[in-house]
Amino acid sequence: MARLHLFDLDGTLLHGTTAPVEISRQLGLEAEAVALDQAIGAGLIGPPEYAARAYELWAELTEADVAAAFEGAPWLARIRDVWAEIRREGDYCAVVSLSPSFFVERLIGWGAHAAYGSRFPAVPFTEPVDPAGVLSAAAKVRIADRLCEEFGVTRADCIAYGDSLSDKDLFSAVPISVAVNADRHLSGISTHSYMGGNLWEAYELVRHAR
């Protein structure tokens, strides 16, 4: 039976940062984005309010800014190697993130079978962000179920990789999980834990698990 590897983005594939922070850095608004991350991490705001505030920060955002943020971000090493190996094994890999879809979907080009993020309008913005399209921790599980159906697997065949509170629901829903540079929210509920900067090393923990 094939397996489905489900990767978080912020703090997981991105080491020590988030897509909104990297995007905001291009506009000289890094501090504002970090404050937003701290607010949602502390539970002071939810995903819809986070998305609305980020949208306001990015009023002047261009496609060139997004490309620069993506290319210059501190990614874990060997992401593309891991996804190529997953494909060679006949398995599937997907990214499911609360970050903006216009950033997350760029990972299709690195070999992910699917990439889901919170739905934002195209850059540069000419229409508002729709709160209904903003993802949550619970939405990650719903998307995982949809991907299972698409790829012909079940939750029992899934492996989740994440780092924080937004991954907790998914970690509870699948049998194998890897906490990657994770915070306290995932302690005690992950089957494996990895600290470091190389995704291949995290993947090795579950590479032969069936």
N, C-alpha and C. Protein backbone atom coordinates (compact mmCIF):
# COMPACT_ATOMS: atom_id res chain seq x y z
N MET A 1 0.84 -1.20 0.00
CA MET A 1 0.00 0.00 0.00
C MET A 1 0.87 1.25 0.00
N ALA A 2 0.53 2.20 -0.85
CA ALA A 2 1.27 3.46 -0.90
C ALA A 2 1.05 4.26 0.39
N ARG A 3 1.98 5.14 0.66
CA ARG A 3 1.87 6.03 1.82
C ARG A 3 1.74 7.47 1.34
N LEU A 4 1.12 8.28 2.19
CA LEU A 4 0.98 9.71 1.93
C LEU A 4 1.72 10.49 3.00
N HIS A 5 2.74 11.24 2.59
CA HIS A 5 3.52 12.08 3.51
C HIS A 5 2.96 13.49 3.47
N LEU A 6 2.57 14.00 4.62
CA LEU A 6 1.91 15.31 4.72
C LEU A 6 2.83 16.28 5.47
N PHE A 7 3.27 17.31 4.78
CA PHE A 7 4.25 18.24 5.34
C PHE A 7 3.63 19.60 5.67
N ASP A 8 3.88 20.06 6.87
CA ASP A 8 3.61 21.45 7.22
C ASP A 8 4.71 22.31 6.60
N LEU A 9 4.47 23.60 6.49
CA LEU A 9 5.45 24.51 5.89
C LEU A 9 6.18 25.35 6.93
N ASP A 10 5.44 26.20 7.64
CA ASP A 10 6.05 27.16 8.56
C ASP A 10 6.69 26.46 9.75
N GLY A 11 7.99 26.69 9.95
CA GLY A 11 8.69 26.07 11.07
C GLY A 11 9.05 24.63 10.83
N THR A 12 8.57 24.05 9.74
CA THR A 12 8.85 22.65 9.42
C THR A 12 9.76 22.59 8.20
N LEU A 13 9.23 22.84 7.03
CA LEU A 13 10.09 22.94 5.85
C LEU A 13 10.91 24.22 5.88
N LEU A 14 10.31 25.29 6.41
CA LEU A 14 11.04 26.53 6.65
C LEU A 14 11.63 26.48 8.05
N HIS A 15 12.93 26.67 8.16
CA HIS A 15 13.61 26.50 9.44
C HIS A 15 13.61 27.80 10.24
N GLY A 16 12.88 27.81 11.36
CA GLY A 16 12.90 28.93 12.28
C GLY A 16 12.17 30.17 11.81
N THR A 17 11.29 30.01 10.83
CA THR A 17 10.57 31.17 10.31
C THR A 17 9.27 30.70 9.66
N THR A 18 8.52 31.67 9.12
CA THR A 18 7.27 31.35 8.45
C THR A 18 7.22 32.07 7.10
N ALA A 19 6.37 31.59 6.23
CA ALA A 19 6.22 32.25 4.93
C ALA A 19 5.80 33.72 5.09
N PRO A 20 4.82 34.04 5.96
CA PRO A 20 4.47 35.46 6.10
C PRO A 20 5.63 36.35 6.55
N VAL A 21 6.49 35.82 7.41
CA VAL A 21 7.65 36.61 7.83
C VAL A 21 8.60 36.84 6.66
N GLU A 22 8.84 35.78 5.89
CA GLU A 22 9.74 35.91 4.73
C GLU A 22 9.16 36.85 3.68
N ILE A 23 7.85 36.77 3.46
CA ILE A 23 7.19 37.68 2.51
C ILE A 23 7.30 39.12 3.02
N SER A 24 6.99 39.32 4.29
CA SER A 24 6.99 40.67 4.87
C SER A 24 8.39 41.28 4.88
N ARG A 25 9.41 40.44 5.00
CA ARG A 25 10.78 40.96 4.99
C ARG A 25 11.07 41.70 3.69
N GLN A 26 10.48 41.25 2.59
CA GLN A 26 10.71 41.91 1.31
C GLN A 26 10.15 43.33 1.30
N LEU A 27 9.20 43.60 2.19
CA LEU A 27 8.55 44.92 2.26
C LEU A 27 9.06 45.75 3.43
N GLY A 28 10.07 45.23 4.15
CA GLY A 28 10.56 45.94 5.32
C GLY A 28 9.62 45.87 6.50
N LEU A 29 8.78 44.82 6.54
CA LEU A 29 7.76 44.69 7.59
C LEU A 29 7.92 43.39 8.37
N GLU A 30 9.15 42.94 8.52
CA GLU A 30 9.41 41.69 9.21
C GLU A 30 8.92 41.71 10.66
N ALA A 31 9.19 42.81 11.37
CA ALA A 31 8.80 42.89 12.79
C ALA A 31 7.30 42.76 12.97
N GLU A 32 6.54 43.37 12.07
CA GLU A 32 5.09 43.30 12.15
C GLU A 32 4.60 41.87 11.94
N ALA A 33 5.23 41.15 11.02
CA ALA A 33 4.84 39.76 10.76
C ALA A 33 5.22 38.85 11.93
N VAL A 34 6.37 39.09 12.52
CA VAL A 34 6.77 38.30 13.69
C VAL A 34 5.76 38.49 14.83
N ALA A 35 5.32 39.73 15.02
CA ALA A 35 4.31 40.00 16.05
C ALA A 35 3.01 39.26 15.75
N LEU A 36 2.63 39.19 14.49
CA LEU A 36 1.44 38.42 14.11
C LEU A 36 1.62 36.94 14.43
N ASP A 37 2.80 36.39 14.10
CA ASP A 37 3.08 34.98 14.39
C ASP A 37 2.99 34.71 15.90
N GLN A 38 3.51 35.65 16.68
CA GLN A 38 3.47 35.48 18.14
C GLN A 38 2.03 35.52 18.65
N ALA A 39 1.22 36.37 18.06
CA ALA A 39 -0.17 36.49 18.49
C ALA A 39 -0.97 35.23 18.20
N ILE A 40 -0.80 34.68 17.01
CA ILE A 40 -1.55 33.46 16.68
C ILE A 40 -0.99 32.26 17.44
N GLY A 41 0.34 32.25 17.65
CA GLY A 41 0.95 31.16 18.40
C GLY A 41 0.49 31.12 19.85
N ALA A 42 0.16 32.31 20.39
CA ALA A 42 -0.31 32.40 21.77
C ALA A 42 -1.82 32.25 21.88
N GLY A 43 -2.48 32.08 20.74
CA GLY A 43 -3.93 31.92 20.75
C GLY A 43 -4.69 33.22 20.92
N LEU A 44 -4.01 34.36 20.72
CA LEU A 44 -4.66 35.66 20.90
C LEU A 44 -5.53 36.02 19.70
N ILE A 45 -5.18 35.50 18.54
CA ILE A 45 -5.98 35.68 17.34
C ILE A 45 -6.10 34.34 16.63
N GLY A 46 -7.12 34.21 15.78
CA GLY A 46 -7.31 32.99 15.02
C GLY A 46 -6.84 33.17 13.58
N PRO A 47 -6.86 32.10 12.78
CA PRO A 47 -6.40 32.18 11.39
C PRO A 47 -7.10 33.25 10.55
N PRO A 48 -8.43 33.45 10.64
CA PRO A 48 -9.04 34.50 9.80
C PRO A 48 -8.51 35.90 10.09
N GLU A 49 -8.36 36.23 11.39
CA GLU A 49 -7.84 37.56 11.73
C GLU A 49 -6.38 37.68 11.32
N TYR A 50 -5.63 36.61 11.49
CA TYR A 50 -4.22 36.60 11.07
C TYR A 50 -4.13 36.91 9.57
N ALA A 51 -4.96 36.22 8.77
CA ALA A 51 -4.93 36.42 7.33
C ALA A 51 -5.33 37.86 6.96
N ALA A 52 -6.32 38.40 7.66
CA ALA A 52 -6.77 39.76 7.37
C ALA A 52 -5.66 40.77 7.66
N ARG A 53 -4.96 40.57 8.76
CA ARG A 53 -3.88 41.51 9.11
C ARG A 53 -2.71 41.36 8.15
N ALA A 54 -2.40 40.12 7.77
CA ALA A 54 -1.32 39.91 6.80
C ALA A 54 -1.67 40.56 5.47
N TYR A 55 -2.91 40.42 5.06
CA TYR A 55 -3.37 41.04 3.80
C TYR A 55 -3.14 42.56 3.83
N GLU A 56 -3.41 43.17 4.97
CA GLU A 56 -3.19 44.61 5.10
C GLU A 56 -1.70 44.96 5.00
N LEU A 57 -0.86 44.13 5.60
CA LEU A 57 0.58 44.36 5.54
C LEU A 57 1.08 44.31 4.10
N TRP A 58 0.45 43.47 3.29
CA TRP A 58 0.96 43.18 1.95
C TRP A 58 0.26 43.98 0.85
N ALA A 59 -0.25 45.12 1.18
CA ALA A 59 -0.96 45.94 0.20
C ALA A 59 -0.10 46.27 -1.02
N GLU A 60 1.22 46.41 -0.82
CA GLU A 60 2.12 46.77 -1.92
C GLU A 60 2.87 45.56 -2.48
N LEU A 61 2.47 44.36 -2.12
CA LEU A 61 3.20 43.15 -2.50
C LEU A 61 3.12 42.91 -4.01
N THR A 62 4.26 42.51 -4.58
CA THR A 62 4.32 42.17 -6.00
C THR A 62 4.73 40.71 -6.17
N GLU A 63 4.54 40.19 -7.37
CA GLU A 63 4.96 38.82 -7.67
C GLU A 63 6.47 38.68 -7.51
N ALA A 64 7.22 39.73 -7.85
CA ALA A 64 8.68 39.70 -7.68
C ALA A 64 9.05 39.56 -6.21
N ASP A 65 8.31 40.23 -5.32
CA ASP A 65 8.55 40.11 -3.88
C ASP A 65 8.33 38.66 -3.41
N VAL A 66 7.26 38.05 -3.89
CA VAL A 66 6.94 36.67 -3.50
C VAL A 66 8.04 35.72 -3.97
N ALA A 67 8.48 35.90 -5.21
CA ALA A 67 9.54 35.06 -5.75
C ALA A 67 10.83 35.21 -4.94
N ALA A 68 11.16 36.44 -4.58
CA ALA A 68 12.38 36.69 -3.80
C ALA A 68 12.27 36.08 -2.42
N ALA A 69 11.09 36.17 -1.81
CA ALA A 69 10.88 35.58 -0.49
C ALA A 69 11.04 34.07 -0.55
N PHE A 70 10.48 33.47 -1.57
CA PHE A 70 10.55 32.01 -1.72
C PHE A 70 11.99 31.56 -1.95
N GLU A 71 12.66 32.22 -2.85
CA GLU A 71 14.02 31.81 -3.20
C GLU A 71 15.02 32.08 -2.08
N GLY A 72 14.78 33.10 -1.29
CA GLY A 72 15.73 33.46 -0.24
C GLY A 72 15.43 32.89 1.13
N ALA A 73 14.34 32.14 1.24
CA ALA A 73 13.92 31.62 2.55
C ALA A 73 14.87 30.52 3.05
N PRO A 74 14.98 30.36 4.37
CA PRO A 74 15.85 29.33 4.95
C PRO A 74 15.18 27.96 4.97
N TRP A 75 15.15 27.30 3.82
CA TRP A 75 14.54 25.98 3.71
C TRP A 75 15.43 24.92 4.35
N LEU A 76 14.81 23.87 4.86
CA LEU A 76 15.59 22.71 5.26
C LEU A 76 16.33 22.17 4.03
N ALA A 77 17.48 21.55 4.29
CA ALA A 77 18.24 20.94 3.20
C ALA A 77 17.52 19.69 2.69
N ARG A 78 17.71 19.40 1.42
CA ARG A 78 17.34 18.14 0.75
C ARG A 78 15.83 17.90 0.67
N ILE A 79 15.04 18.95 0.65
CA ILE A 79 13.60 18.77 0.48
C ILE A 79 13.30 18.06 -0.84
N ARG A 80 13.91 18.55 -1.91
CA ARG A 80 13.63 17.96 -3.23
C ARG A 80 14.12 16.52 -3.31
N ASP A 81 15.22 16.21 -2.63
CA ASP A 81 15.70 14.82 -2.61
C ASP A 81 14.70 13.90 -1.93
N VAL A 82 14.15 14.36 -0.83
CA VAL A 82 13.17 13.55 -0.09
C VAL A 82 11.94 13.30 -0.96
N TRP A 83 11.44 14.34 -1.58
CA TRP A 83 10.22 14.19 -2.37
C TRP A 83 10.47 13.33 -3.61
N ALA A 84 11.67 13.41 -4.19
CA ALA A 84 12.00 12.55 -5.32
C ALA A 84 12.05 11.09 -4.88
N GLU A 85 12.60 10.84 -3.70
CA GLU A 85 12.65 9.47 -3.17
C GLU A 85 11.26 8.95 -2.86
N ILE A 86 10.41 9.79 -2.29
CA ILE A 86 9.03 9.39 -2.01
C ILE A 86 8.33 8.98 -3.30
N ARG A 87 8.53 9.74 -4.36
CA ARG A 87 7.94 9.39 -5.65
C ARG A 87 8.51 8.08 -6.18
N ARG A 88 9.83 7.88 -6.04
CA ARG A 88 10.44 6.63 -6.51
C ARG A 88 9.87 5.42 -5.78
N GLU A 89 9.51 5.60 -4.52
CA GLU A 89 8.95 4.52 -3.72
C GLU A 89 7.49 4.24 -4.06
N GLY A 90 6.92 5.08 -4.93
CA GLY A 90 5.51 4.92 -5.28
C GLY A 90 4.57 5.53 -4.27
N ASP A 91 5.13 6.39 -3.39
CA ASP A 91 4.33 7.06 -2.38
C ASP A 91 3.98 8.48 -2.84
N TYR A 92 3.28 9.21 -1.98
CA TYR A 92 2.80 10.54 -2.32
C TYR A 92 3.27 11.54 -1.26
N CYS A 93 3.46 12.79 -1.69
CA CYS A 93 3.83 13.84 -0.74
C CYS A 93 3.01 15.09 -1.02
N ALA A 94 2.58 15.74 0.04
CA ALA A 94 1.77 16.94 -0.08
C ALA A 94 2.14 17.92 1.02
N VAL A 95 1.95 19.19 0.72
CA VAL A 95 2.17 20.25 1.71
C VAL A 95 0.81 20.85 2.05
N VAL A 96 0.52 20.94 3.35
CA VAL A 96 -0.73 21.54 3.81
C VAL A 96 -0.36 22.57 4.87
N SER A 97 -0.63 23.84 4.57
CA SER A 97 -0.16 24.93 5.41
C SER A 97 -1.22 26.00 5.57
N LEU A 98 -1.18 26.71 6.68
CA LEU A 98 -2.07 27.86 6.89
C LEU A 98 -1.57 29.09 6.14
N SER A 99 -0.35 29.05 5.62
CA SER A 99 0.23 30.19 4.91
C SER A 99 -0.45 30.40 3.56
N PRO A 100 -0.19 31.54 2.92
CA PRO A 100 -0.91 31.88 1.69
C PRO A 100 -0.68 30.89 0.56
N SER A 101 -1.73 30.60 -0.14
CA SER A 101 -1.67 29.65 -1.26
C SER A 101 -0.66 30.09 -2.31
N PHE A 102 -0.53 31.42 -2.53
CA PHE A 102 0.37 31.88 -3.59
C PHE A 102 1.83 31.58 -3.28
N PHE A 103 2.16 31.31 -2.03
CA PHE A 103 3.50 30.91 -1.63
C PHE A 103 3.61 29.38 -1.60
N VAL A 104 2.66 28.74 -0.93
CA VAL A 104 2.69 27.29 -0.72
C VAL A 104 2.69 26.54 -2.05
N GLU A 105 1.90 27.00 -3.00
CA GLU A 105 1.75 26.27 -4.26
C GLU A 105 3.03 26.26 -5.10
N ARG A 106 3.97 27.12 -4.79
CA ARG A 106 5.25 27.09 -5.49
C ARG A 106 6.01 25.79 -5.24
N LEU A 107 5.66 25.08 -4.19
CA LEU A 107 6.35 23.83 -3.86
C LEU A 107 5.95 22.68 -4.78
N ILE A 108 4.93 22.86 -5.58
CA ILE A 108 4.63 21.87 -6.62
C ILE A 108 5.84 21.72 -7.54
N GLY A 109 6.51 22.82 -7.80
CA GLY A 109 7.68 22.81 -8.67
C GLY A 109 8.87 22.06 -8.08
N TRP A 110 8.83 21.80 -6.79
CA TRP A 110 9.90 21.05 -6.13
C TRP A 110 9.59 19.56 -6.04
N GLY A 111 8.39 19.17 -6.49
CA GLY A 111 8.09 17.74 -6.51
C GLY A 111 6.95 17.29 -5.65
N ALA A 112 6.28 18.20 -4.96
CA ALA A 112 5.10 17.79 -4.18
C ALA A 112 3.96 17.42 -5.12
N HIS A 113 3.22 16.36 -4.77
CA HIS A 113 2.06 15.99 -5.57
C HIS A 113 0.92 17.01 -5.42
N ALA A 114 0.85 17.65 -4.27
CA ALA A 114 -0.20 18.62 -4.00
C ALA A 114 0.30 19.63 -2.98
N ALA A 115 -0.25 20.84 -3.01
CA ALA A 115 0.13 21.87 -2.05
C ALA A 115 -1.08 22.75 -1.78
N TYR A 116 -1.46 22.83 -0.52
CA TYR A 116 -2.64 23.60 -0.12
C TYR A 116 -2.24 24.65 0.90
N GLY A 117 -2.71 25.88 0.69
CA GLY A 117 -2.55 26.95 1.65
C GLY A 117 -3.84 27.74 1.77
N SER A 118 -3.86 28.71 2.66
CA SER A 118 -5.02 29.59 2.78
C SER A 118 -5.19 30.37 1.48
N ARG A 119 -6.42 30.42 0.99
CA ARG A 119 -6.68 31.06 -0.30
C ARG A 119 -6.60 32.59 -0.18
N PHE A 120 -5.65 33.14 -0.88
CA PHE A 120 -5.50 34.59 -0.99
C PHE A 120 -5.75 34.98 -2.45
N PRO A 121 -6.16 36.22 -2.70
CA PRO A 121 -6.26 36.66 -4.09
C PRO A 121 -4.89 36.70 -4.74
N ALA A 122 -4.88 36.75 -6.05
CA ALA A 122 -3.62 36.83 -6.78
C ALA A 122 -2.88 38.12 -6.44
N VAL A 123 -1.56 38.05 -6.52
CA VAL A 123 -0.70 39.21 -6.28
C VAL A 123 -0.43 39.91 -7.61
N PRO A 124 -0.47 41.26 -7.65
CA PRO A 124 -0.83 42.20 -6.57
C PRO A 124 -2.33 42.19 -6.31
N PHE A 125 -2.70 42.43 -5.06
CA PHE A 125 -4.09 42.30 -4.64
C PHE A 125 -4.99 43.34 -5.30
N THR A 126 -6.08 42.86 -5.86
CA THR A 126 -7.11 43.76 -6.39
C THR A 126 -8.47 43.41 -5.81
N GLU A 127 -8.52 42.41 -4.93
CA GLU A 127 -9.75 42.00 -4.27
C GLU A 127 -9.42 41.56 -2.86
N PRO A 128 -10.39 41.53 -1.96
CA PRO A 128 -10.11 41.19 -0.56
C PRO A 128 -9.86 39.70 -0.36
N VAL A 129 -9.28 39.37 0.79
CA VAL A 129 -9.12 37.97 1.16
C VAL A 129 -10.44 37.47 1.74
N ASP A 130 -10.83 36.27 1.34
CA ASP A 130 -12.08 35.68 1.80
C ASP A 130 -11.82 34.84 3.04
N PRO A 131 -12.38 35.20 4.20
CA PRO A 131 -12.14 34.42 5.43
C PRO A 131 -12.51 32.94 5.28
N ALA A 132 -13.46 32.63 4.40
CA ALA A 132 -13.89 31.25 4.22
C ALA A 132 -12.78 30.39 3.62
N GLY A 133 -11.82 31.02 2.97
CA GLY A 133 -10.74 30.27 2.34
C GLY A 133 -9.51 30.11 3.22
N VAL A 134 -9.56 30.64 4.44
CA VAL A 134 -8.42 30.58 5.36
C VAL A 134 -8.44 29.24 6.08
N LEU A 135 -7.32 28.54 6.06
CA LEU A 135 -7.25 27.21 6.66
C LEU A 135 -7.02 27.30 8.18
N SER A 136 -7.31 26.17 8.84
CA SER A 136 -7.15 26.03 10.28
C SER A 136 -6.54 24.67 10.55
N ALA A 137 -6.26 24.39 11.82
CA ALA A 137 -5.74 23.07 12.19
C ALA A 137 -6.71 21.97 11.79
N ALA A 138 -8.01 22.20 12.01
CA ALA A 138 -9.02 21.21 11.64
C ALA A 138 -9.09 21.03 10.13
N ALA A 139 -8.89 22.12 9.39
CA ALA A 139 -8.93 22.03 7.93
C ALA A 139 -7.81 21.15 7.40
N LYS A 140 -6.67 21.11 8.10
CA LYS A 140 -5.58 20.24 7.66
C LYS A 140 -6.03 18.79 7.62
N VAL A 141 -6.83 18.39 8.61
CA VAL A 141 -7.33 17.01 8.64
C VAL A 141 -8.30 16.78 7.49
N ARG A 142 -9.18 17.73 7.25
CA ARG A 142 -10.13 17.58 6.15
C ARG A 142 -9.42 17.48 4.80
N ILE A 143 -8.37 18.28 4.61
CA ILE A 143 -7.62 18.21 3.36
C ILE A 143 -6.88 16.89 3.26
N ALA A 144 -6.34 16.41 4.37
CA ALA A 144 -5.68 15.10 4.37
C ALA A 144 -6.65 14.01 3.95
N ASP A 145 -7.87 14.05 4.45
CA ASP A 145 -8.88 13.06 4.06
C ASP A 145 -9.18 13.15 2.57
N ARG A 146 -9.26 14.37 2.06
CA ARG A 146 -9.53 14.56 0.64
C ARG A 146 -8.38 14.00 -0.20
N LEU A 147 -7.14 14.21 0.24
CA LEU A 147 -5.98 13.69 -0.47
C LEU A 147 -5.93 12.16 -0.40
N CYS A 148 -6.31 11.62 0.74
CA CYS A 148 -6.37 10.16 0.86
C CYS A 148 -7.31 9.57 -0.20
N GLU A 149 -8.45 10.19 -0.34
CA GLU A 149 -9.42 9.72 -1.34
C GLU A 149 -8.85 9.86 -2.75
N GLU A 150 -8.19 10.98 -3.00
CA GLU A 150 -7.62 11.23 -4.33
C GLU A 150 -6.54 10.21 -4.69
N PHE A 151 -5.71 9.87 -3.70
CA PHE A 151 -4.57 8.99 -3.97
C PHE A 151 -4.86 7.52 -3.66
N GLY A 152 -6.05 7.22 -3.19
CA GLY A 152 -6.42 5.84 -2.94
C GLY A 152 -5.75 5.23 -1.71
N VAL A 153 -5.55 6.04 -0.68
CA VAL A 153 -4.99 5.55 0.59
C VAL A 153 -5.94 5.92 1.72
N THR A 154 -5.58 5.55 2.94
CA THR A 154 -6.39 5.87 4.11
C THR A 154 -5.54 6.63 5.13
N ARG A 155 -6.18 7.11 6.16
CA ARG A 155 -5.42 7.77 7.24
C ARG A 155 -4.34 6.85 7.80
N ALA A 156 -4.61 5.55 7.80
CA ALA A 156 -3.65 4.59 8.34
C ALA A 156 -2.35 4.55 7.53
N ASP A 157 -2.39 5.09 6.32
CA ASP A 157 -1.22 5.09 5.45
C ASP A 157 -0.50 6.44 5.46
N CYS A 158 -0.89 7.35 6.35
CA CYS A 158 -0.35 8.71 6.35
C CYS A 158 0.76 8.90 7.37
N ILE A 159 1.70 9.76 7.01
CA ILE A 159 2.76 10.22 7.90
C ILE A 159 2.74 11.74 7.88
N ALA A 160 2.65 12.36 9.04
CA ALA A 160 2.59 13.82 9.13
C ALA A 160 3.89 14.37 9.69
N TYR A 161 4.29 15.52 9.17
CA TYR A 161 5.48 16.24 9.63
C TYR A 161 5.04 17.64 10.02
N GLY A 162 5.35 18.07 11.24
CA GLY A 162 4.93 19.39 11.67
C GLY A 162 5.72 19.88 12.86
N ASP A 163 5.38 21.10 13.31
CA ASP A 163 6.19 21.70 14.38
C ASP A 163 5.40 22.38 15.48
N SER A 164 4.07 22.57 15.31
CA SER A 164 3.40 23.46 16.26
C SER A 164 1.92 23.12 16.43
N LEU A 165 1.22 24.01 17.13
CA LEU A 165 -0.18 23.79 17.48
C LEU A 165 -1.05 23.50 16.27
N SER A 166 -0.76 24.13 15.14
CA SER A 166 -1.61 23.94 13.95
C SER A 166 -1.50 22.53 13.39
N ASP A 167 -0.53 21.76 13.86
CA ASP A 167 -0.34 20.38 13.40
C ASP A 167 -0.92 19.35 14.37
N LYS A 168 -1.38 19.82 15.51
CA LYS A 168 -1.80 18.90 16.57
C LYS A 168 -2.96 18.00 16.14
N ASP A 169 -3.97 18.57 15.48
CA ASP A 169 -5.11 17.78 15.06
C ASP A 169 -4.69 16.69 14.08
N LEU A 170 -3.83 17.04 13.13
CA LEU A 170 -3.38 16.07 12.14
C LEU A 170 -2.53 14.98 12.78
N PHE A 171 -1.66 15.36 13.71
CA PHE A 171 -0.85 14.36 14.41
C PHE A 171 -1.74 13.36 15.16
N SER A 172 -2.87 13.84 15.66
CA SER A 172 -3.77 12.96 16.40
C SER A 172 -4.58 12.06 15.48
N ALA A 173 -4.63 12.42 14.19
CA ALA A 173 -5.48 11.69 13.24
C ALA A 173 -4.74 10.60 12.48
N VAL A 174 -3.41 10.64 12.47
CA VAL A 174 -2.64 9.66 11.69
C VAL A 174 -1.74 8.85 12.61
N PRO A 175 -1.33 7.65 12.18
CA PRO A 175 -0.59 6.76 13.08
C PRO A 175 0.88 7.10 13.26
N ILE A 176 1.48 7.79 12.29
CA ILE A 176 2.91 8.09 12.34
C ILE A 176 3.10 9.58 12.13
N SER A 177 3.91 10.19 12.98
CA SER A 177 4.16 11.63 12.86
C SER A 177 5.59 11.95 13.27
N VAL A 178 6.12 12.99 12.64
CA VAL A 178 7.48 13.45 12.94
C VAL A 178 7.42 14.90 13.37
N ALA A 179 7.77 15.17 14.61
CA ALA A 179 7.85 16.54 15.12
C ALA A 179 9.20 17.10 14.67
N VAL A 180 9.16 18.13 13.83
CA VAL A 180 10.38 18.70 13.24
C VAL A 180 10.65 20.05 13.89
N ASN A 181 11.75 20.12 14.66
CA ASN A 181 12.08 21.37 15.37
C ASN A 181 10.85 21.92 16.07
N ALA A 182 10.14 21.05 16.75
CA ALA A 182 8.80 21.37 17.23
C ALA A 182 8.79 22.07 18.58
N ASP A 183 7.66 22.75 18.85
CA ASP A 183 7.46 23.38 20.14
C ASP A 183 6.70 22.43 21.08
N ARG A 184 6.33 22.94 22.24
CA ARG A 184 5.75 22.12 23.30
C ARG A 184 4.42 21.49 22.92
N HIS A 185 3.72 22.05 21.94
CA HIS A 185 2.38 21.56 21.62
C HIS A 185 2.39 20.14 21.06
N LEU A 186 3.52 19.72 20.51
CA LEU A 186 3.58 18.38 19.92
C LEU A 186 4.32 17.38 20.79
N SER A 187 4.85 17.83 21.92
CA SER A 187 5.56 16.91 22.79
C SER A 187 4.59 15.88 23.36
N GLY A 188 4.98 14.64 23.25
CA GLY A 188 4.15 13.57 23.79
C GLY A 188 3.13 13.00 22.83
N ILE A 189 2.89 13.66 21.68
CA ILE A 189 1.90 13.11 20.76
C ILE A 189 2.52 12.69 19.42
N SER A 190 3.79 12.98 19.19
CA SER A 190 4.44 12.57 17.95
C SER A 190 5.11 11.22 18.15
N THR A 191 5.19 10.44 17.09
CA THR A 191 5.86 9.14 17.19
C THR A 191 7.37 9.28 17.02
N HIS A 192 7.82 10.35 16.38
CA HIS A 192 9.25 10.60 16.18
C HIS A 192 9.51 12.09 16.37
N SER A 193 10.76 12.41 16.69
CA SER A 193 11.12 13.82 16.86
C SER A 193 12.48 14.06 16.20
N TYR A 194 12.58 15.19 15.50
CA TYR A 194 13.83 15.54 14.83
C TYR A 194 14.15 17.01 15.08
N MET A 195 15.41 17.26 15.42
CA MET A 195 15.91 18.62 15.56
C MET A 195 17.10 18.78 14.62
N GLY A 196 17.00 19.74 13.72
CA GLY A 196 18.10 19.94 12.79
C GLY A 196 17.65 20.63 11.54
N GLY A 197 18.53 20.64 10.54
CA GLY A 197 18.26 21.42 9.34
C GLY A 197 18.19 20.62 8.05
N ASN A 198 18.01 19.29 8.15
CA ASN A 198 18.05 18.44 6.96
C ASN A 198 16.82 17.55 6.92
N LEU A 199 15.94 17.75 5.94
CA LEU A 199 14.71 16.97 5.88
C LEU A 199 14.98 15.49 5.65
N TRP A 200 16.06 15.17 4.95
CA TRP A 200 16.36 13.76 4.72
C TRP A 200 16.55 13.02 6.04
N GLU A 201 17.19 13.66 7.00
CA GLU A 201 17.40 13.03 8.31
C GLU A 201 16.08 12.78 9.02
N ALA A 202 15.13 13.71 8.89
CA ALA A 202 13.80 13.50 9.47
C ALA A 202 13.07 12.38 8.74
N TYR A 203 13.18 12.37 7.43
CA TYR A 203 12.54 11.33 6.61
C TYR A 203 13.09 9.95 6.93
N GLU A 204 14.37 9.85 7.22
CA GLU A 204 14.99 8.57 7.54
C GLU A 204 14.35 7.91 8.76
N LEU A 205 13.77 8.71 9.65
CA LEU A 205 13.13 8.16 10.84
C LEU A 205 11.92 7.30 10.50
N VAL A 206 11.31 7.58 9.35
CA VAL A 206 10.06 6.89 8.96
C VAL A 206 10.17 6.25 7.58
N ARG A 207 11.33 6.32 6.98
CA ARG A 207 11.48 5.89 5.59
C ARG A 207 11.01 4.46 5.36
N HIS A 208 11.29 3.59 6.31
CA HIS A 208 10.95 2.17 6.13
C HIS A 208 9.76 1.74 6.97
N ALA A 209 9.07 2.71 7.57
CA ALA A 209 7.90 2.36 8.39
C ALA A 209 6.73 2.01 7.48
N ARG A 210 6.09 0.91 7.77
CA ARG A 210 4.91 0.48 7.00
C ARG A 210 3.83 0.03 7.96
